[in-house]
Amino acid sequence: MNEAPLLYSFRRCPYAMRARMALWVAGIVVELREVKLAAKPPELIAASPKGTVPVLVLPDGTVIDQSMAIMRWALAQNDPESWLTGDDAALIAANDGPFKHHLDRAKYPGRYEVDGVTDHRAAALALLAPLEARLEAAPWLCGESRALTDIAQFPFIRQFAAIDSEWFAAQPLPRLQGWLEGLARSELFASVMPKFTPWQEYDAPVLLGPTPPRT
């Protein structure tokens, strides 16, 4: 049996969510090491001193410790839904940069220093308008089927919507709201969201990934 890559992850982290979804779609089974962020295992720090998740350690010792790099690596191995044809780097950068900036400050007011923006929720909402416009032309952000760009942004928009679900539902974003609900209810998302206890050194391996078809 081939050795599975190790994935250090945290269930609720949006970066880890999107990495797990890409690994699953690519058919890559990983040995999951669920991390408790308040008590990070030394093995995680040894693999990636920055100490954030996700971190993927390949059987040859290669470490990939950025979520987008994990997604693109996984899909380079196997891309059955052609997700890489919908890799809009600029749109993903807007999500990971300005949108994430305002999301964090809207979700955790008072945690950050004042940066001159008085309403981070409104600022984040404004950044969703281009996505709504895209979804007017097609059911997914890059065309007729879900792709890398959809999955890269989905966990963050889900997190933003959850700050105040009634408020978000009342915004004039019907296509984006439908897109979000569809992904949140998808079999793919459910498959990567089971709960696991934090990993400890002597635990039996926990494998996460699609079951290979029987032959």
N, C-alpha and C. Protein backbone atom coordinates (compact mmCIF):
# COMPACT_ATOMS: atom_id res chain seq x y z
N MET A 1 0.85 -1.19 0.00
CA MET A 1 0.00 0.00 0.00
C MET A 1 0.88 1.25 0.00
N ASN A 2 0.56 2.20 -0.86
CA ASN A 2 1.33 3.44 -0.89
C ASN A 2 1.09 4.25 0.38
N GLU A 3 2.15 4.90 0.83
CA GLU A 3 2.03 5.73 2.03
C GLU A 3 1.22 6.97 1.70
N ALA A 4 0.29 7.32 2.59
CA ALA A 4 -0.55 8.49 2.36
C ALA A 4 0.16 9.75 2.82
N PRO A 5 -0.04 10.87 2.12
CA PRO A 5 0.48 12.14 2.63
C PRO A 5 -0.15 12.48 3.98
N LEU A 6 0.57 13.25 4.78
CA LEU A 6 0.04 13.73 6.06
C LEU A 6 -0.57 15.10 5.85
N LEU A 7 -1.77 15.31 6.39
CA LEU A 7 -2.40 16.61 6.31
C LEU A 7 -2.70 17.12 7.71
N TYR A 8 -2.01 18.18 8.11
CA TYR A 8 -2.35 18.86 9.35
C TYR A 8 -3.46 19.86 9.03
N SER A 9 -4.55 19.77 9.76
CA SER A 9 -5.73 20.54 9.40
C SER A 9 -6.48 20.95 10.66
N PHE A 10 -7.40 21.87 10.49
CA PHE A 10 -8.32 22.28 11.55
C PHE A 10 -9.69 22.41 10.90
N ARG A 11 -10.64 21.71 11.41
CA ARG A 11 -11.93 21.54 10.74
C ARG A 11 -12.56 22.85 10.31
N ARG A 12 -12.55 23.86 11.17
CA ARG A 12 -13.28 25.09 10.87
C ARG A 12 -12.46 26.15 10.13
N CYS A 13 -11.20 25.90 9.90
CA CYS A 13 -10.35 26.87 9.20
C CYS A 13 -10.72 26.91 7.72
N PRO A 14 -11.07 28.08 7.18
CA PRO A 14 -11.46 28.13 5.77
C PRO A 14 -10.34 27.74 4.82
N TYR A 15 -9.10 28.04 5.18
CA TYR A 15 -7.99 27.63 4.33
C TYR A 15 -7.88 26.11 4.28
N ALA A 16 -8.05 25.48 5.44
CA ALA A 16 -7.98 24.02 5.49
C ALA A 16 -9.18 23.38 4.78
N MET A 17 -10.35 24.02 4.90
CA MET A 17 -11.53 23.48 4.21
C MET A 17 -11.29 23.36 2.71
N ARG A 18 -10.79 24.45 2.11
CA ARG A 18 -10.64 24.40 0.66
C ARG A 18 -9.56 23.41 0.24
N ALA A 19 -8.53 23.26 1.05
CA ALA A 19 -7.51 22.26 0.74
C ALA A 19 -8.09 20.85 0.80
N ARG A 20 -8.88 20.57 1.84
CA ARG A 20 -9.47 19.24 1.96
C ARG A 20 -10.41 18.95 0.79
N MET A 21 -11.16 19.95 0.34
CA MET A 21 -12.09 19.74 -0.77
C MET A 21 -11.35 19.42 -2.06
N ALA A 22 -10.24 20.09 -2.31
CA ALA A 22 -9.47 19.80 -3.52
C ALA A 22 -8.82 18.42 -3.44
N LEU A 23 -8.28 18.06 -2.29
CA LEU A 23 -7.68 16.74 -2.14
C LEU A 23 -8.73 15.64 -2.36
N TRP A 24 -9.94 15.88 -1.83
CA TRP A 24 -11.00 14.88 -1.98
C TRP A 24 -11.39 14.71 -3.44
N VAL A 25 -11.61 15.82 -4.12
CA VAL A 25 -12.00 15.74 -5.53
C VAL A 25 -10.90 15.08 -6.37
N ALA A 26 -9.66 15.34 -6.01
CA ALA A 26 -8.55 14.73 -6.73
C ALA A 26 -8.38 13.24 -6.42
N GLY A 27 -9.15 12.75 -5.45
CA GLY A 27 -9.08 11.33 -5.10
C GLY A 27 -7.86 10.97 -4.28
N ILE A 28 -7.29 11.95 -3.58
CA ILE A 28 -6.09 11.72 -2.79
C ILE A 28 -6.47 11.46 -1.34
N VAL A 29 -6.19 10.29 -0.87
CA VAL A 29 -6.43 9.93 0.53
C VAL A 29 -5.26 10.43 1.37
N VAL A 30 -5.56 11.13 2.44
CA VAL A 30 -4.52 11.65 3.31
C VAL A 30 -4.67 11.07 4.71
N GLU A 31 -3.56 11.05 5.44
CA GLU A 31 -3.62 10.76 6.86
C GLU A 31 -3.87 12.08 7.57
N LEU A 32 -5.06 12.22 8.11
CA LEU A 32 -5.48 13.49 8.70
C LEU A 32 -4.96 13.62 10.13
N ARG A 33 -4.36 14.75 10.41
CA ARG A 33 -3.96 15.08 11.78
C ARG A 33 -4.68 16.37 12.17
N GLU A 34 -5.80 16.22 12.82
CA GLU A 34 -6.59 17.36 13.27
C GLU A 34 -5.82 18.10 14.37
N VAL A 35 -5.72 19.41 14.22
CA VAL A 35 -4.90 20.22 15.11
C VAL A 35 -5.78 21.03 16.04
N LYS A 36 -5.40 21.09 17.30
CA LYS A 36 -5.99 22.03 18.24
C LYS A 36 -5.10 23.26 18.24
N LEU A 37 -5.65 24.39 17.77
CA LEU A 37 -4.80 25.56 17.54
C LEU A 37 -4.17 26.10 18.81
N ALA A 38 -4.81 25.84 19.95
CA ALA A 38 -4.24 26.31 21.22
C ALA A 38 -3.13 25.40 21.72
N ALA A 39 -2.97 24.24 21.11
CA ALA A 39 -1.93 23.30 21.53
C ALA A 39 -1.40 22.58 20.30
N LYS A 40 -0.68 23.33 19.47
CA LYS A 40 -0.20 22.78 18.21
C LYS A 40 0.86 21.72 18.46
N PRO A 41 0.76 20.58 17.80
CA PRO A 41 1.75 19.52 18.03
C PRO A 41 3.12 19.93 17.50
N PRO A 42 4.18 19.52 18.17
CA PRO A 42 5.53 19.89 17.70
C PRO A 42 5.82 19.37 16.31
N GLU A 43 5.16 18.27 15.90
CA GLU A 43 5.38 17.74 14.56
C GLU A 43 4.93 18.74 13.49
N LEU A 44 3.85 19.48 13.78
CA LEU A 44 3.40 20.51 12.85
C LEU A 44 4.44 21.62 12.74
N ILE A 45 4.94 22.08 13.86
CA ILE A 45 5.93 23.16 13.86
C ILE A 45 7.22 22.71 13.17
N ALA A 46 7.58 21.45 13.38
CA ALA A 46 8.78 20.94 12.72
C ALA A 46 8.62 20.91 11.21
N ALA A 47 7.41 20.59 10.75
CA ALA A 47 7.16 20.53 9.32
C ALA A 47 7.07 21.93 8.72
N SER A 48 6.43 22.83 9.46
CA SER A 48 6.22 24.20 8.96
C SER A 48 6.29 25.16 10.14
N PRO A 49 7.41 25.82 10.34
CA PRO A 49 7.58 26.67 11.53
C PRO A 49 6.56 27.79 11.66
N LYS A 50 5.89 28.18 10.58
CA LYS A 50 4.89 29.24 10.72
C LYS A 50 3.69 28.78 11.54
N GLY A 51 3.50 27.46 11.65
CA GLY A 51 2.52 26.92 12.59
C GLY A 51 1.07 27.13 12.24
N THR A 52 0.77 27.36 10.96
CA THR A 52 -0.62 27.50 10.54
C THR A 52 -1.03 26.30 9.69
N VAL A 53 -2.33 26.10 9.59
CA VAL A 53 -2.84 25.01 8.77
C VAL A 53 -3.53 25.60 7.54
N PRO A 54 -3.61 24.79 6.48
CA PRO A 54 -3.20 23.39 6.35
C PRO A 54 -1.71 23.25 6.02
N VAL A 55 -1.19 22.08 6.36
CA VAL A 55 0.16 21.70 5.97
C VAL A 55 0.09 20.28 5.44
N LEU A 56 0.59 20.08 4.24
CA LEU A 56 0.61 18.76 3.62
C LEU A 56 2.06 18.29 3.54
N VAL A 57 2.32 17.11 4.10
CA VAL A 57 3.66 16.52 4.05
C VAL A 57 3.59 15.29 3.17
N LEU A 58 4.28 15.34 2.05
CA LEU A 58 4.26 14.24 1.10
C LEU A 58 5.16 13.10 1.57
N PRO A 59 4.94 11.90 1.06
CA PRO A 59 5.75 10.76 1.50
C PRO A 59 7.25 10.95 1.30
N ASP A 60 7.66 11.77 0.33
CA ASP A 60 9.10 11.99 0.13
C ASP A 60 9.65 13.10 1.02
N GLY A 61 8.81 13.64 1.91
CA GLY A 61 9.25 14.68 2.83
C GLY A 61 8.97 16.10 2.36
N THR A 62 8.52 16.26 1.14
CA THR A 62 8.18 17.59 0.65
C THR A 62 7.04 18.18 1.47
N VAL A 63 7.16 19.44 1.85
CA VAL A 63 6.14 20.12 2.65
C VAL A 63 5.49 21.21 1.81
N ILE A 64 4.16 21.19 1.77
CA ILE A 64 3.39 22.24 1.09
C ILE A 64 2.53 22.88 2.17
N ASP A 65 2.80 24.14 2.47
CA ASP A 65 2.14 24.75 3.63
C ASP A 65 1.33 26.00 3.29
N GLN A 66 0.87 26.09 2.04
CA GLN A 66 -0.07 27.12 1.64
C GLN A 66 -1.29 26.43 1.02
N SER A 67 -2.48 26.87 1.39
CA SER A 67 -3.68 26.14 0.97
C SER A 67 -3.85 26.14 -0.55
N MET A 68 -3.60 27.27 -1.21
CA MET A 68 -3.75 27.28 -2.67
C MET A 68 -2.71 26.37 -3.33
N ALA A 69 -1.52 26.31 -2.79
CA ALA A 69 -0.50 25.42 -3.34
C ALA A 69 -0.91 23.97 -3.16
N ILE A 70 -1.54 23.64 -2.04
CA ILE A 70 -2.04 22.28 -1.83
C ILE A 70 -3.12 21.96 -2.85
N MET A 71 -4.05 22.90 -3.05
CA MET A 71 -5.13 22.66 -4.02
C MET A 71 -4.56 22.42 -5.41
N ARG A 72 -3.65 23.28 -5.82
CA ARG A 72 -3.11 23.16 -7.19
C ARG A 72 -2.25 21.91 -7.33
N TRP A 73 -1.53 21.55 -6.27
CA TRP A 73 -0.75 20.31 -6.32
C TRP A 73 -1.68 19.11 -6.48
N ALA A 74 -2.73 19.06 -5.67
CA ALA A 74 -3.66 17.92 -5.73
C ALA A 74 -4.28 17.79 -7.11
N LEU A 75 -4.71 18.89 -7.68
CA LEU A 75 -5.37 18.85 -8.98
C LEU A 75 -4.38 18.58 -10.10
N ALA A 76 -3.13 18.88 -9.90
CA ALA A 76 -2.11 18.52 -10.89
C ALA A 76 -1.92 17.00 -10.94
N GLN A 77 -2.22 16.33 -9.81
CA GLN A 77 -2.12 14.87 -9.79
C GLN A 77 -3.32 14.24 -10.50
N ASN A 78 -4.50 14.84 -10.27
CA ASN A 78 -5.73 14.29 -10.83
C ASN A 78 -6.81 15.37 -10.76
N ASP A 79 -7.40 15.68 -11.88
CA ASP A 79 -8.38 16.77 -11.95
C ASP A 79 -9.63 16.29 -12.69
N PRO A 80 -10.39 15.39 -12.08
CA PRO A 80 -11.51 14.76 -12.80
C PRO A 80 -12.63 15.71 -13.19
N GLU A 81 -12.77 16.85 -12.48
CA GLU A 81 -13.81 17.81 -12.80
C GLU A 81 -13.26 19.04 -13.53
N SER A 82 -11.99 18.97 -13.94
CA SER A 82 -11.34 20.06 -14.68
C SER A 82 -11.39 21.38 -13.90
N TRP A 83 -11.12 21.31 -12.61
CA TRP A 83 -11.13 22.52 -11.78
C TRP A 83 -10.07 23.52 -12.21
N LEU A 84 -8.94 23.05 -12.70
CA LEU A 84 -7.86 23.97 -13.03
C LEU A 84 -8.20 24.86 -14.22
N THR A 85 -9.19 24.49 -15.00
CA THR A 85 -9.60 25.37 -16.10
C THR A 85 -10.34 26.59 -15.57
N GLY A 86 -10.75 26.55 -14.32
CA GLY A 86 -11.41 27.69 -13.67
C GLY A 86 -10.58 28.23 -12.53
N ASP A 87 -9.32 28.50 -12.81
CA ASP A 87 -8.39 29.04 -11.82
C ASP A 87 -8.17 30.52 -12.13
N ASP A 88 -8.98 31.39 -11.53
CA ASP A 88 -8.87 32.83 -11.75
C ASP A 88 -8.03 33.41 -10.62
N ALA A 89 -6.76 33.56 -10.87
CA ALA A 89 -5.82 33.97 -9.82
C ALA A 89 -6.17 35.35 -9.27
N ALA A 90 -6.62 36.26 -10.12
CA ALA A 90 -6.94 37.61 -9.66
C ALA A 90 -8.14 37.60 -8.73
N LEU A 91 -9.15 36.82 -9.05
CA LEU A 91 -10.35 36.76 -8.20
C LEU A 91 -10.02 36.11 -6.86
N ILE A 92 -9.19 35.09 -6.89
CA ILE A 92 -8.78 34.43 -5.65
C ILE A 92 -7.94 35.38 -4.79
N ALA A 93 -7.08 36.16 -5.43
CA ALA A 93 -6.26 37.11 -4.68
C ALA A 93 -7.12 38.18 -4.02
N ALA A 94 -8.19 38.60 -4.69
CA ALA A 94 -9.10 39.59 -4.08
C ALA A 94 -9.79 38.99 -2.87
N ASN A 95 -10.10 37.71 -2.92
CA ASN A 95 -10.71 37.03 -1.78
C ASN A 95 -9.72 36.92 -0.63
N ASP A 96 -8.52 36.46 -0.94
CA ASP A 96 -7.54 36.18 0.11
C ASP A 96 -6.92 37.46 0.67
N GLY A 97 -7.02 38.55 -0.08
CA GLY A 97 -6.47 39.82 0.38
C GLY A 97 -7.53 40.74 0.95
N PRO A 98 -8.12 41.62 0.15
CA PRO A 98 -9.08 42.61 0.68
C PRO A 98 -10.30 41.99 1.36
N PHE A 99 -10.88 40.96 0.76
CA PHE A 99 -12.09 40.40 1.37
C PHE A 99 -11.77 39.78 2.72
N LYS A 100 -10.70 39.01 2.81
CA LYS A 100 -10.33 38.39 4.08
C LYS A 100 -10.00 39.45 5.13
N HIS A 101 -9.37 40.53 4.70
CA HIS A 101 -9.07 41.64 5.62
C HIS A 101 -10.35 42.16 6.27
N HIS A 102 -11.34 42.45 5.47
CA HIS A 102 -12.59 43.00 6.01
C HIS A 102 -13.40 41.93 6.74
N LEU A 103 -13.36 40.71 6.26
CA LEU A 103 -14.05 39.61 6.94
C LEU A 103 -13.56 39.46 8.37
N ASP A 104 -12.27 39.43 8.56
CA ASP A 104 -11.72 39.25 9.91
C ASP A 104 -12.17 40.36 10.84
N ARG A 105 -12.19 41.57 10.34
CA ARG A 105 -12.54 42.71 11.19
C ARG A 105 -14.04 42.82 11.41
N ALA A 106 -14.82 42.32 10.47
CA ALA A 106 -16.27 42.28 10.68
C ALA A 106 -16.64 41.17 11.67
N LYS A 107 -15.92 40.06 11.59
CA LYS A 107 -16.22 38.91 12.46
C LYS A 107 -15.71 39.11 13.87
N TYR A 108 -14.57 39.78 14.01
CA TYR A 108 -13.94 39.95 15.32
C TYR A 108 -13.68 41.44 15.59
N PRO A 109 -14.73 42.23 15.73
CA PRO A 109 -14.53 43.65 15.98
C PRO A 109 -13.78 43.87 17.30
N GLY A 110 -12.85 44.80 17.27
CA GLY A 110 -12.09 45.08 18.47
C GLY A 110 -10.79 44.31 18.57
N ARG A 111 -10.62 43.28 17.73
CA ARG A 111 -9.40 42.49 17.80
C ARG A 111 -8.24 43.17 17.07
N TYR A 112 -8.58 44.04 16.11
CA TYR A 112 -7.57 44.65 15.27
C TYR A 112 -7.47 46.14 15.53
N GLU A 113 -6.32 46.71 15.17
CA GLU A 113 -6.14 48.14 15.29
C GLU A 113 -7.02 48.86 14.27
N VAL A 114 -7.41 50.08 14.59
CA VAL A 114 -8.22 50.88 13.68
C VAL A 114 -7.43 51.15 12.41
N ASP A 115 -8.06 50.91 11.26
CA ASP A 115 -7.37 51.10 9.98
C ASP A 115 -8.06 52.13 9.10
N GLY A 116 -8.97 52.92 9.68
CA GLY A 116 -9.63 53.96 8.92
C GLY A 116 -10.95 53.55 8.31
N VAL A 117 -11.26 52.25 8.32
CA VAL A 117 -12.53 51.77 7.79
C VAL A 117 -13.51 51.64 8.95
N THR A 118 -14.65 52.27 8.83
CA THR A 118 -15.61 52.27 9.94
C THR A 118 -16.60 51.12 9.86
N ASP A 119 -16.82 50.57 8.67
CA ASP A 119 -17.81 49.51 8.51
C ASP A 119 -17.22 48.41 7.64
N HIS A 120 -16.55 47.47 8.30
CA HIS A 120 -15.90 46.39 7.55
C HIS A 120 -16.91 45.44 6.93
N ARG A 121 -18.06 45.28 7.53
CA ARG A 121 -19.08 44.42 6.94
C ARG A 121 -19.53 44.98 5.60
N ALA A 122 -19.75 46.29 5.54
CA ALA A 122 -20.14 46.93 4.28
C ALA A 122 -19.03 46.84 3.24
N ALA A 123 -17.78 46.98 3.70
CA ALA A 123 -16.65 46.91 2.78
C ALA A 123 -16.51 45.51 2.19
N ALA A 124 -16.71 44.49 3.03
CA ALA A 124 -16.66 43.11 2.53
C ALA A 124 -17.81 42.85 1.57
N LEU A 125 -18.99 43.34 1.92
CA LEU A 125 -20.15 43.13 1.07
C LEU A 125 -19.93 43.72 -0.32
N ALA A 126 -19.32 44.89 -0.38
CA ALA A 126 -19.08 45.53 -1.67
C ALA A 126 -18.18 44.67 -2.56
N LEU A 127 -17.30 43.91 -1.96
CA LEU A 127 -16.40 43.06 -2.73
C LEU A 127 -17.09 41.83 -3.29
N LEU A 128 -18.31 41.55 -2.83
CA LEU A 128 -19.07 40.41 -3.35
C LEU A 128 -19.87 40.77 -4.59
N ALA A 129 -20.02 42.07 -4.87
CA ALA A 129 -20.81 42.49 -6.03
C ALA A 129 -20.28 41.91 -7.34
N PRO A 130 -18.95 41.89 -7.57
CA PRO A 130 -18.46 41.30 -8.82
C PRO A 130 -18.78 39.81 -8.95
N LEU A 131 -18.88 39.11 -7.82
CA LEU A 131 -19.23 37.69 -7.87
C LEU A 131 -20.68 37.52 -8.27
N GLU A 132 -21.55 38.35 -7.71
CA GLU A 132 -22.96 38.31 -8.10
C GLU A 132 -23.10 38.58 -9.60
N ALA A 133 -22.33 39.54 -10.10
CA ALA A 133 -22.40 39.85 -11.53
C ALA A 133 -21.95 38.66 -12.38
N ARG A 134 -20.91 37.98 -11.95
CA ARG A 134 -20.45 36.80 -12.69
C ARG A 134 -21.52 35.72 -12.72
N LEU A 135 -22.17 35.54 -11.60
CA LEU A 135 -23.17 34.48 -11.50
C LEU A 135 -24.45 34.81 -12.25
N GLU A 136 -24.59 36.04 -12.70
CA GLU A 136 -25.70 36.38 -13.58
C GLU A 136 -25.50 35.77 -14.96
N ALA A 137 -24.24 35.55 -15.32
CA ALA A 137 -23.93 35.04 -16.65
C ALA A 137 -23.74 33.53 -16.70
N ALA A 138 -23.45 32.92 -15.56
CA ALA A 138 -23.18 31.48 -15.52
C ALA A 138 -23.45 30.98 -14.12
N PRO A 139 -23.71 29.68 -13.95
CA PRO A 139 -24.03 29.17 -12.62
C PRO A 139 -22.84 29.11 -11.66
N TRP A 140 -21.63 29.20 -12.21
CA TRP A 140 -20.42 29.14 -11.39
C TRP A 140 -19.52 30.31 -11.75
N LEU A 141 -18.56 30.59 -10.93
CA LEU A 141 -17.78 31.81 -11.10
C LEU A 141 -16.94 31.83 -12.37
N CYS A 142 -16.60 30.66 -12.86
CA CYS A 142 -15.79 30.60 -14.08
C CYS A 142 -16.47 29.84 -15.21
N GLY A 143 -17.79 29.68 -15.12
CA GLY A 143 -18.46 29.00 -16.23
C GLY A 143 -19.57 28.09 -15.81
N GLU A 144 -19.69 26.98 -16.51
CA GLU A 144 -20.85 26.10 -16.37
C GLU A 144 -20.69 25.03 -15.30
N SER A 145 -19.53 24.91 -14.71
CA SER A 145 -19.34 23.89 -13.67
C SER A 145 -18.44 24.44 -12.58
N ARG A 146 -18.57 23.85 -11.38
CA ARG A 146 -17.75 24.32 -10.26
C ARG A 146 -16.28 24.08 -10.57
N ALA A 147 -15.45 24.96 -10.06
CA ALA A 147 -14.03 24.88 -10.37
C ALA A 147 -13.22 25.42 -9.19
N LEU A 148 -11.93 25.52 -9.40
CA LEU A 148 -11.02 25.91 -8.32
C LEU A 148 -11.42 27.25 -7.69
N THR A 149 -11.78 28.22 -8.52
CA THR A 149 -12.11 29.55 -8.00
C THR A 149 -13.31 29.51 -7.07
N ASP A 150 -14.31 28.70 -7.39
CA ASP A 150 -15.48 28.57 -6.52
C ASP A 150 -15.08 28.02 -5.16
N ILE A 151 -14.32 26.94 -5.17
CA ILE A 151 -13.98 26.27 -3.92
C ILE A 151 -12.99 27.10 -3.12
N ALA A 152 -12.11 27.83 -3.79
CA ALA A 152 -11.15 28.66 -3.07
C ALA A 152 -11.84 29.76 -2.28
N GLN A 153 -12.96 30.27 -2.77
CA GLN A 153 -13.63 31.39 -2.11
C GLN A 153 -14.78 30.96 -1.20
N PHE A 154 -15.36 29.83 -1.49
CA PHE A 154 -16.54 29.38 -0.77
C PHE A 154 -16.41 29.41 0.75
N PRO A 155 -15.35 28.84 1.38
CA PRO A 155 -15.33 28.82 2.85
C PRO A 155 -15.31 30.20 3.49
N PHE A 156 -14.73 31.17 2.80
CA PHE A 156 -14.63 32.52 3.35
C PHE A 156 -15.98 33.25 3.24
N ILE A 157 -16.66 33.06 2.13
CA ILE A 157 -17.97 33.68 1.97
C ILE A 157 -18.96 33.01 2.92
N ARG A 158 -18.84 31.72 3.11
CA ARG A 158 -19.67 31.02 4.10
C ARG A 158 -19.44 31.61 5.49
N GLN A 159 -18.20 31.86 5.83
CA GLN A 159 -17.88 32.44 7.14
C GLN A 159 -18.46 33.83 7.28
N PHE A 160 -18.38 34.62 6.23
CA PHE A 160 -18.93 35.97 6.25
C PHE A 160 -20.45 35.92 6.42
N ALA A 161 -21.11 35.07 5.69
CA ALA A 161 -22.57 34.95 5.78
C ALA A 161 -23.00 34.54 7.18
N ALA A 162 -22.20 33.73 7.84
CA ALA A 162 -22.57 33.21 9.16
C ALA A 162 -22.44 34.25 10.27
N ILE A 163 -21.78 35.37 10.02
CA ILE A 163 -21.69 36.41 11.04
C ILE A 163 -23.08 36.86 11.46
N ASP A 164 -23.94 37.05 10.47
CA ASP A 164 -25.34 37.41 10.71
C ASP A 164 -26.13 36.87 9.54
N SER A 165 -26.60 35.64 9.68
CA SER A 165 -27.23 34.96 8.55
C SER A 165 -28.49 35.66 8.05
N GLU A 166 -29.26 36.25 8.97
CA GLU A 166 -30.48 36.96 8.56
C GLU A 166 -30.13 38.21 7.76
N TRP A 167 -29.12 38.92 8.21
CA TRP A 167 -28.67 40.11 7.48
C TRP A 167 -28.18 39.72 6.08
N PHE A 168 -27.38 38.67 6.01
CA PHE A 168 -26.83 38.26 4.71
C PHE A 168 -27.95 37.82 3.76
N ALA A 169 -28.93 37.10 4.29
CA ALA A 169 -30.05 36.64 3.46
C ALA A 169 -30.86 37.80 2.90
N ALA A 170 -30.81 38.95 3.57
CA ALA A 170 -31.59 40.11 3.13
C ALA A 170 -30.85 40.96 2.10
N GLN A 171 -29.60 40.64 1.79
CA GLN A 171 -28.84 41.44 0.84
C GLN A 171 -29.23 41.08 -0.61
N PRO A 172 -29.09 42.03 -1.53
CA PRO A 172 -29.49 41.78 -2.92
C PRO A 172 -28.45 40.97 -3.68
N LEU A 173 -28.25 39.74 -3.21
CA LEU A 173 -27.26 38.83 -3.80
C LEU A 173 -27.89 37.47 -4.06
N PRO A 174 -29.00 37.39 -4.78
CA PRO A 174 -29.72 36.12 -4.89
C PRO A 174 -28.91 35.01 -5.53
N ARG A 175 -28.12 35.34 -6.52
CA ARG A 175 -27.34 34.28 -7.20
C ARG A 175 -26.21 33.80 -6.31
N LEU A 176 -25.55 34.73 -5.64
CA LEU A 176 -24.46 34.33 -4.75
C LEU A 176 -25.01 33.54 -3.56
N GLN A 177 -26.14 33.92 -3.06
CA GLN A 177 -26.76 33.18 -1.95
C GLN A 177 -27.11 31.76 -2.38
N GLY A 178 -27.63 31.60 -3.60
CA GLY A 178 -27.93 30.26 -4.09
C GLY A 178 -26.68 29.45 -4.33
N TRP A 179 -25.66 30.10 -4.86
CA TRP A 179 -24.36 29.43 -5.05
C TRP A 179 -23.81 28.94 -3.72
N LEU A 180 -23.87 29.80 -2.71
CA LEU A 180 -23.35 29.45 -1.39
C LEU A 180 -24.13 28.29 -0.79
N GLU A 181 -25.44 28.34 -0.87
CA GLU A 181 -26.26 27.27 -0.30
C GLU A 181 -25.99 25.94 -1.00
N GLY A 182 -25.83 25.99 -2.32
CA GLY A 182 -25.56 24.76 -3.05
C GLY A 182 -24.26 24.11 -2.63
N LEU A 183 -23.22 24.91 -2.47
CA LEU A 183 -21.94 24.34 -2.04
C LEU A 183 -22.01 23.86 -0.59
N ALA A 184 -22.68 24.62 0.27
CA ALA A 184 -22.77 24.24 1.68
C ALA A 184 -23.54 22.93 1.86
N ARG A 185 -24.48 22.66 0.95
CA ARG A 185 -25.27 21.43 1.04
C ARG A 185 -24.69 20.30 0.19
N SER A 186 -23.57 20.53 -0.44
CA SER A 186 -23.03 19.55 -1.36
C SER A 186 -22.46 18.33 -0.64
N GLU A 187 -22.48 17.24 -1.34
CA GLU A 187 -21.88 16.01 -0.80
C GLU A 187 -20.39 16.19 -0.58
N LEU A 188 -19.75 16.94 -1.45
CA LEU A 188 -18.32 17.19 -1.31
C LEU A 188 -18.01 17.87 0.01
N PHE A 189 -18.74 18.93 0.32
CA PHE A 189 -18.47 19.66 1.57
C PHE A 189 -18.74 18.78 2.78
N ALA A 190 -19.85 18.04 2.75
CA ALA A 190 -20.16 17.15 3.87
C ALA A 190 -19.06 16.11 4.06
N SER A 191 -18.47 15.66 2.97
CA SER A 191 -17.46 14.60 3.04
C SER A 191 -16.20 15.03 3.75
N VAL A 192 -15.88 16.34 3.70
CA VAL A 192 -14.62 16.79 4.31
C VAL A 192 -14.83 17.44 5.67
N MET A 193 -16.06 17.37 6.20
CA MET A 193 -16.35 18.08 7.44
C MET A 193 -16.70 17.18 8.64
N PRO A 194 -16.35 15.90 8.64
CA PRO A 194 -16.59 15.13 9.87
C PRO A 194 -15.74 15.66 11.01
N LYS A 195 -16.20 15.41 12.24
CA LYS A 195 -15.46 15.88 13.40
C LYS A 195 -14.49 14.81 13.87
N PHE A 196 -13.28 15.24 14.18
CA PHE A 196 -12.27 14.35 14.72
C PHE A 196 -11.66 14.99 15.96
N THR A 197 -11.24 14.16 16.89
CA THR A 197 -10.53 14.68 18.06
C THR A 197 -9.12 15.08 17.65
N PRO A 198 -8.53 16.05 18.33
CA PRO A 198 -7.17 16.47 17.98
C PRO A 198 -6.19 15.31 18.00
N TRP A 199 -5.31 15.29 17.02
CA TRP A 199 -4.34 14.21 16.86
C TRP A 199 -3.31 14.23 17.98
N GLN A 200 -2.95 13.02 18.42
CA GLN A 200 -1.84 12.85 19.35
C GLN A 200 -0.90 11.80 18.79
N GLU A 201 0.33 11.85 19.22
CA GLU A 201 1.41 11.07 18.61
C GLU A 201 1.09 9.58 18.52
N TYR A 202 0.43 9.04 19.52
CA TYR A 202 0.24 7.59 19.55
C TYR A 202 -1.13 7.16 19.04
N ASP A 203 -1.88 8.08 18.44
CA ASP A 203 -3.18 7.72 17.88
C ASP A 203 -3.01 6.84 16.64
N ALA A 204 -3.99 5.98 16.41
CA ALA A 204 -4.02 5.23 15.15
C ALA A 204 -4.28 6.21 14.01
N PRO A 205 -3.73 5.95 12.84
CA PRO A 205 -3.93 6.86 11.71
C PRO A 205 -5.41 7.02 11.35
N VAL A 206 -5.79 8.24 11.01
CA VAL A 206 -7.13 8.55 10.54
C VAL A 206 -7.01 8.94 9.07
N LEU A 207 -7.64 8.19 8.19
CA LEU A 207 -7.56 8.47 6.77
C LEU A 207 -8.79 9.25 6.32
N LEU A 208 -8.55 10.26 5.51
CA LEU A 208 -9.62 11.06 4.96
C LEU A 208 -9.47 11.08 3.45
N GLY A 209 -10.53 10.70 2.77
CA GLY A 209 -10.49 10.69 1.32
C GLY A 209 -11.54 9.76 0.78
N PRO A 210 -11.84 9.87 -0.51
CA PRO A 210 -12.86 9.00 -1.11
C PRO A 210 -12.43 7.55 -1.10
N THR A 211 -13.37 6.67 -0.90
CA THR A 211 -13.08 5.24 -0.93
C THR A 211 -12.84 4.81 -2.36
N PRO A 212 -11.70 4.18 -2.63
CA PRO A 212 -11.44 3.75 -4.00
C PRO A 212 -12.52 2.78 -4.48
N PRO A 213 -12.89 2.82 -5.75
CA PRO A 213 -13.90 1.89 -6.25
C PRO A 213 -13.40 0.45 -6.19
N ARG A 214 -14.30 -0.46 -5.91
CA ARG A 214 -13.94 -1.87 -5.89
C ARG A 214 -13.81 -2.40 -7.30
N THR A 215 -12.82 -3.29 -7.47
CA THR A 215 -12.60 -3.87 -8.80
C THR A 215 -12.74 -5.37 -8.72
